[in-house]
Protein backbone atom coordinates (compact mmCIF):
# COMPACT_ATOMS: atom_id res chain seq x y z
CA MET A 1 0.00 0.00 0.00
CA LEU A 2 1.20 3.52 -0.81
CA ASP A 3 1.38 6.46 1.61
CA PRO A 4 -0.97 9.37 0.72
CA ASN A 5 0.76 11.53 3.37
CA ASN A 6 4.16 11.20 1.74
CA ILE A 7 5.47 14.31 -0.05
CA VAL A 8 6.16 12.11 -3.10
CA PRO A 9 3.06 12.16 -5.35
CA LEU A 10 1.04 8.95 -5.37
CA TYR A 11 1.62 8.35 -9.08
CA GLU A 12 5.40 8.51 -8.52
CA GLN A 13 5.10 6.11 -5.59
CA ALA A 14 3.07 3.78 -7.80
CA ALA A 15 5.64 4.04 -10.62
CA ASN A 16 8.41 3.23 -8.12
CA ALA A 17 6.42 0.25 -6.83
CA LEU A 18 5.93 -1.04 -10.38
CA ARG A 19 9.64 -0.65 -11.12
CA GLU A 20 10.51 -2.58 -7.97
CA ASP A 21 8.06 -5.36 -8.80
CA MET A 22 9.57 -5.62 -12.28
CA ARG A 23 13.07 -5.75 -10.76
CA LYS A 24 11.99 -8.55 -8.41
CA GLY A 25 10.41 -10.54 -11.24
CA VAL A 26 6.81 -10.09 -10.10
CA PHE A 27 6.16 -8.73 -13.60
CA LEU A 28 8.42 -10.45 -16.13
CA SER A 29 9.85 -9.04 -19.36
CA GLY A 30 7.50 -9.67 -22.26
CA ASN A 31 4.51 -10.40 -20.04
CA ARG A 32 1.31 -8.39 -19.83
CA LEU A 33 0.73 -6.26 -16.75
CA PRO A 34 -2.49 -6.71 -14.76
CA THR A 35 -5.31 -4.38 -15.76
CA GLU A 36 -5.46 -0.83 -14.42
CA SER A 37 -8.30 -1.88 -12.11
CA GLU A 38 -6.25 -4.78 -10.73
CA LEU A 39 -3.17 -2.60 -10.24
CA ALA A 40 -5.22 0.15 -8.60
CA GLN A 41 -6.58 -2.41 -6.15
CA LYS A 42 -3.12 -3.90 -5.57
CA TYR A 43 -1.58 -0.53 -4.66
CA GLY A 44 -4.67 0.99 -3.03
CA ILE A 45 -5.00 3.95 -5.40
CA SER A 46 -7.38 5.18 -8.09
CA ARG A 47 -7.32 4.06 -11.73
CA ILE A 48 -6.45 7.62 -12.80
CA THR A 49 -3.38 7.56 -10.54
CA ILE A 50 -2.20 4.15 -11.77
CA ARG A 51 -2.74 5.26 -15.36
CA HIS A 52 -0.52 8.28 -14.67
CA ALA A 53 2.14 5.97 -13.21
CA ILE A 54 2.00 3.69 -16.25
CA ASP A 55 2.28 6.73 -18.54
CA GLN A 56 5.56 7.51 -16.78
CA LEU A 57 6.89 3.98 -17.34
CA VAL A 58 5.87 4.15 -21.00
CA LYS A 59 7.93 7.35 -21.39
CA GLU A 60 10.90 5.55 -19.82
CA GLY A 61 10.50 2.60 -22.21
CA LEU A 62 9.94 0.12 -19.37
CA VAL A 63 6.45 -0.86 -20.56
CA GLU A 64 4.51 -0.50 -23.80
CA ARG A 65 0.82 -0.36 -24.60
CA LYS A 66 -0.44 -2.62 -27.39
CA GLN A 67 -3.78 -1.66 -28.86
CA GLY A 68 -6.47 -4.12 -27.85
CA LYS A 69 -4.00 -6.33 -25.95
CA GLY A 70 -2.95 -4.41 -22.84
CA THR A 71 0.28 -3.09 -21.36
CA PHE A 72 3.43 -5.23 -21.53
CA VAL A 73 6.78 -5.15 -19.77
CA THR A 74 9.42 -4.46 -22.41
CA ARG A 75 12.45 -6.67 -22.85
CA PRO A 76 15.77 -4.91 -22.24
CA LEU A 77 17.47 -3.98 -25.50
CA MET A 78 20.47 -6.01 -26.61
CA HIS A 79 23.36 -4.25 -28.34
CA LYS A 80 25.16 -5.66 -31.37
CA ASP A 81 28.44 -3.95 -32.22
CA PHE A 82 29.24 -4.27 -35.92
CA LYS A 83 32.64 -2.67 -35.32
CA ARG A 84 33.88 -5.78 -33.51
CA SER A 85 35.20 -8.48 -35.81
CA GLY A 86 34.54 -12.20 -35.50
CA VAL A 87 32.12 -12.00 -32.57
CA SER A 88 29.91 -15.06 -32.21
CA PHE A 89 26.29 -14.96 -31.10
CA THR A 90 27.38 -16.62 -27.85
CA GLU A 91 29.86 -13.79 -27.21
CA LEU A 92 27.18 -11.23 -28.15
CA CYS A 93 24.83 -12.68 -25.54
CA ALA A 94 27.55 -12.77 -22.88
CA ALA A 95 28.31 -9.09 -23.53
CA ASN A 96 24.62 -8.34 -22.91
CA GLY A 97 24.37 -10.42 -19.74
CA LYS A 98 22.38 -13.21 -21.36
CA LYS A 99 22.85 -16.95 -21.88
CA ALA A 100 23.05 -18.16 -25.46
CA SER A 101 21.68 -21.47 -26.68
CA ALA A 102 20.96 -23.09 -30.03
CA ARG A 103 18.84 -25.65 -31.83
CA THR A 104 20.08 -27.20 -35.06
CA VAL A 105 17.38 -26.88 -37.72
CA LEU A 106 19.21 -28.40 -40.70
CA THR A 107 22.50 -30.04 -41.66
CA SER A 108 23.05 -31.11 -45.26
CA ILE A 109 25.40 -31.48 -48.20
CA GLU A 110 23.88 -29.57 -51.10
CA VAL A 111 24.46 -27.57 -54.25
CA PRO A 112 23.68 -23.95 -53.35
CA GLU A 113 21.82 -21.52 -55.59
CA ASN A 114 22.30 -18.27 -53.68
CA GLN A 115 24.57 -15.86 -55.54
CA HIS A 116 26.36 -14.69 -52.37
CA VAL A 117 27.35 -18.28 -51.56
CA LEU A 118 28.43 -19.02 -55.13
CA ARG A 119 30.51 -15.83 -55.38
CA TRP A 120 32.19 -15.80 -52.00
CA LEU A 121 33.01 -19.52 -51.97
CA ASN A 122 34.06 -19.30 -55.64
CA LEU A 123 32.19 -22.49 -56.45
CA ALA A 124 32.31 -24.37 -59.72
CA PRO A 125 28.94 -25.32 -61.30
CA GLY A 126 27.39 -28.19 -59.36
CA GLU A 127 29.94 -28.00 -56.53
CA GLU A 128 28.56 -28.99 -53.12
CA VAL A 129 28.83 -27.24 -49.76
CA VAL A 130 28.13 -28.08 -46.13
CA ARG A 131 25.05 -26.25 -44.85
CA ILE A 132 24.38 -25.88 -41.12
CA LYS A 133 21.28 -23.95 -40.07
CA ARG A 134 20.63 -23.15 -36.42
CA LEU A 135 18.10 -21.18 -34.41
CA ARG A 136 19.84 -19.05 -31.77
CA TYR A 137 18.28 -18.11 -28.44
CA ALA A 138 19.11 -15.49 -25.79
CA ASP A 139 17.82 -16.49 -22.34
CA GLY A 140 15.48 -18.94 -24.06
CA VAL A 141 14.01 -16.35 -26.45
CA PRO A 142 14.52 -17.07 -30.19
CA CYS A 143 16.49 -14.18 -31.74
CA VAL A 144 18.30 -15.19 -34.91
CA ILE A 145 18.16 -17.84 -37.63
CA GLU A 146 21.79 -18.55 -38.51
CA ASP A 147 22.45 -20.29 -41.86
CA ASN A 148 26.09 -21.20 -42.56
CA TYR A 149 27.63 -22.51 -45.79
CA PHE A 150 31.08 -24.15 -45.51
CA PRO A 151 33.38 -25.65 -48.14
CA LYS A 152 32.89 -29.41 -48.33
CA GLU A 153 36.20 -29.98 -46.54
CA PHE A 154 34.33 -29.05 -43.33
CA SER A 155 31.85 -31.93 -43.69
CA ASP A 156 33.00 -33.31 -40.32
CA LEU A 157 31.06 -30.45 -38.67
CA MET A 158 27.89 -32.37 -39.50
CA SER A 159 28.81 -34.98 -36.89
CA VAL A 160 29.41 -32.39 -34.15
CA ASN A 161 26.58 -31.66 -31.71
CA LEU A 162 26.28 -27.92 -32.26
CA ASN A 163 23.29 -27.46 -29.99
CA ASP A 164 24.10 -25.02 -27.21
CA ILE A 165 27.76 -24.48 -28.11
CA SER A 166 29.55 -21.67 -29.90
CA LEU A 167 30.48 -22.67 -33.44
CA TYR A 168 33.28 -20.11 -33.51
CA GLN A 169 34.63 -21.33 -30.17
CA TYR A 170 34.67 -24.89 -31.55
CA LEU A 171 36.49 -23.78 -34.70
CA ARG A 172 39.06 -21.80 -32.71
CA GLU A 173 39.71 -24.41 -30.03
CA GLU A 174 39.30 -27.67 -31.93
CA LYS A 175 40.32 -26.65 -35.45
CA HIS A 176 42.80 -23.92 -34.39
CA ILE A 177 41.31 -21.52 -36.94
CA ASP A 178 41.71 -17.76 -36.67
CA ILE A 179 38.44 -16.09 -37.66
CA VAL A 180 38.44 -12.88 -39.70
CA THR A 181 35.22 -11.26 -40.92
CA GLY A 182 35.01 -9.86 -44.43
CA GLU A 183 32.34 -8.14 -46.46
CA MET A 184 28.84 -7.89 -44.99
CA ILE A 185 25.54 -6.94 -46.64
CA LEU A 186 22.56 -5.77 -44.56
CA LYS A 187 18.93 -5.24 -45.47
CA ILE A 188 15.51 -5.13 -43.84
CA VAL A 189 13.16 -8.02 -44.63
CA ARG A 190 9.75 -9.10 -43.43
CA ALA A 191 9.20 -12.46 -41.77
CA ASP A 192 7.60 -15.06 -44.02
CA THR A 193 5.61 -17.94 -42.54
CA GLY A 194 8.63 -20.15 -41.87
CA ILE A 195 10.75 -17.41 -40.31
CA ALA A 196 7.83 -16.17 -38.22
CA LYS A 197 7.27 -19.67 -36.84
CA LEU A 198 10.92 -20.16 -35.85
CA LEU A 199 11.35 -16.70 -34.30
CA GLU A 200 7.86 -16.74 -32.74
CA VAL A 201 6.92 -13.36 -34.22
CA PRO A 202 3.93 -12.26 -36.31
CA ARG A 203 4.18 -12.78 -40.06
CA SER A 204 5.57 -9.70 -41.87
CA THR A 205 7.47 -8.50 -38.79
CA PRO A 206 10.42 -6.30 -39.93
CA LEU A 207 13.75 -8.03 -39.28
CA LEU A 208 17.40 -7.49 -40.12
CA GLU A 209 18.95 -9.86 -42.65
CA THR A 210 22.72 -10.07 -43.11
CA TRP A 211 24.89 -11.91 -45.60
CA GLY A 212 28.59 -12.07 -44.82
CA VAL A 213 31.80 -13.87 -45.70
CA VAL A 214 34.21 -15.04 -43.00
CA TYR A 215 37.85 -15.94 -43.63
CA GLN A 216 40.45 -18.09 -41.96
CA GLY A 217 43.65 -16.46 -40.77
CA ASN A 218 45.45 -17.85 -43.84
CA GLY A 219 43.13 -15.93 -46.15
CA LYS A 220 41.00 -18.89 -47.26
CA VAL A 221 37.23 -18.56 -47.03
CA LEU A 222 35.88 -20.26 -43.90
CA HIS A 223 32.17 -19.90 -44.56
CA VAL A 224 29.35 -17.71 -45.80
CA CYS A 225 26.76 -16.77 -43.19
CA ASN A 226 23.17 -15.66 -43.59
CA GLN A 227 21.36 -14.39 -40.50
CA VAL A 228 17.76 -13.26 -40.11
CA GLY A 229 16.43 -11.81 -36.88
CA TYR A 230 17.71 -9.09 -34.57
CA GLY A 231 14.23 -7.58 -34.19
CA GLU A 232 12.94 -4.65 -32.18
CA ASN A 233 14.78 -5.72 -29.01
CA PHE A 234 18.18 -4.95 -30.57
CA GLU A 235 20.19 -1.76 -31.02
CA PHE A 236 23.10 -1.69 -33.45
CA ILE A 237 26.46 0.05 -33.07
CA VAL A 238 27.98 0.74 -36.48
CA ARG A 239 30.73 3.27 -35.79
């Protein structure tokens, strides 16, 4: 219960109480807050006062109102620094205080059709590659679909359990490969049905897609990587 005799206005006390409950995990990131009536009853104040408190949290970016759905606790933004070279998704999560995990969606030997893969791997017509596609999670939330194309000499990767481990860490520690990033292409895409299902977002959600080439320390191409994800919960550092 809040103190009406306190010099701090009731709406500020209510906003502070909401912040504290979010900090304690009473209201979790991504979850809907109770209704204004329920919150007013919880804190012993009027609906107008609790609405004023929520308005304050909206301004701070701690909660967001979704038309027809209610008010939701926002997820803290993650930061991806494009200036840093050779950073894995696992390292990205660690830098943001989150735990990375993965689920392998596809492993195959195939003849690629994508022009980025053909150009960067300098493939002859009909030449095969190793394709490893994984869904990457941060604290259990799906964030990125990671689709890697390796020269066929890396076919032994198909026998490695790549769930919940860093692919780059494996390549550095087990293969003793220095990883150097090369050219990268970025564009905004909208989630189709398959992407939306994997990332658990509505169809047509705007997402960032990247295509990039990664080299070994000796100058040979290591792989070509396509990533789709990095939605509204990400901020990007480019310079």
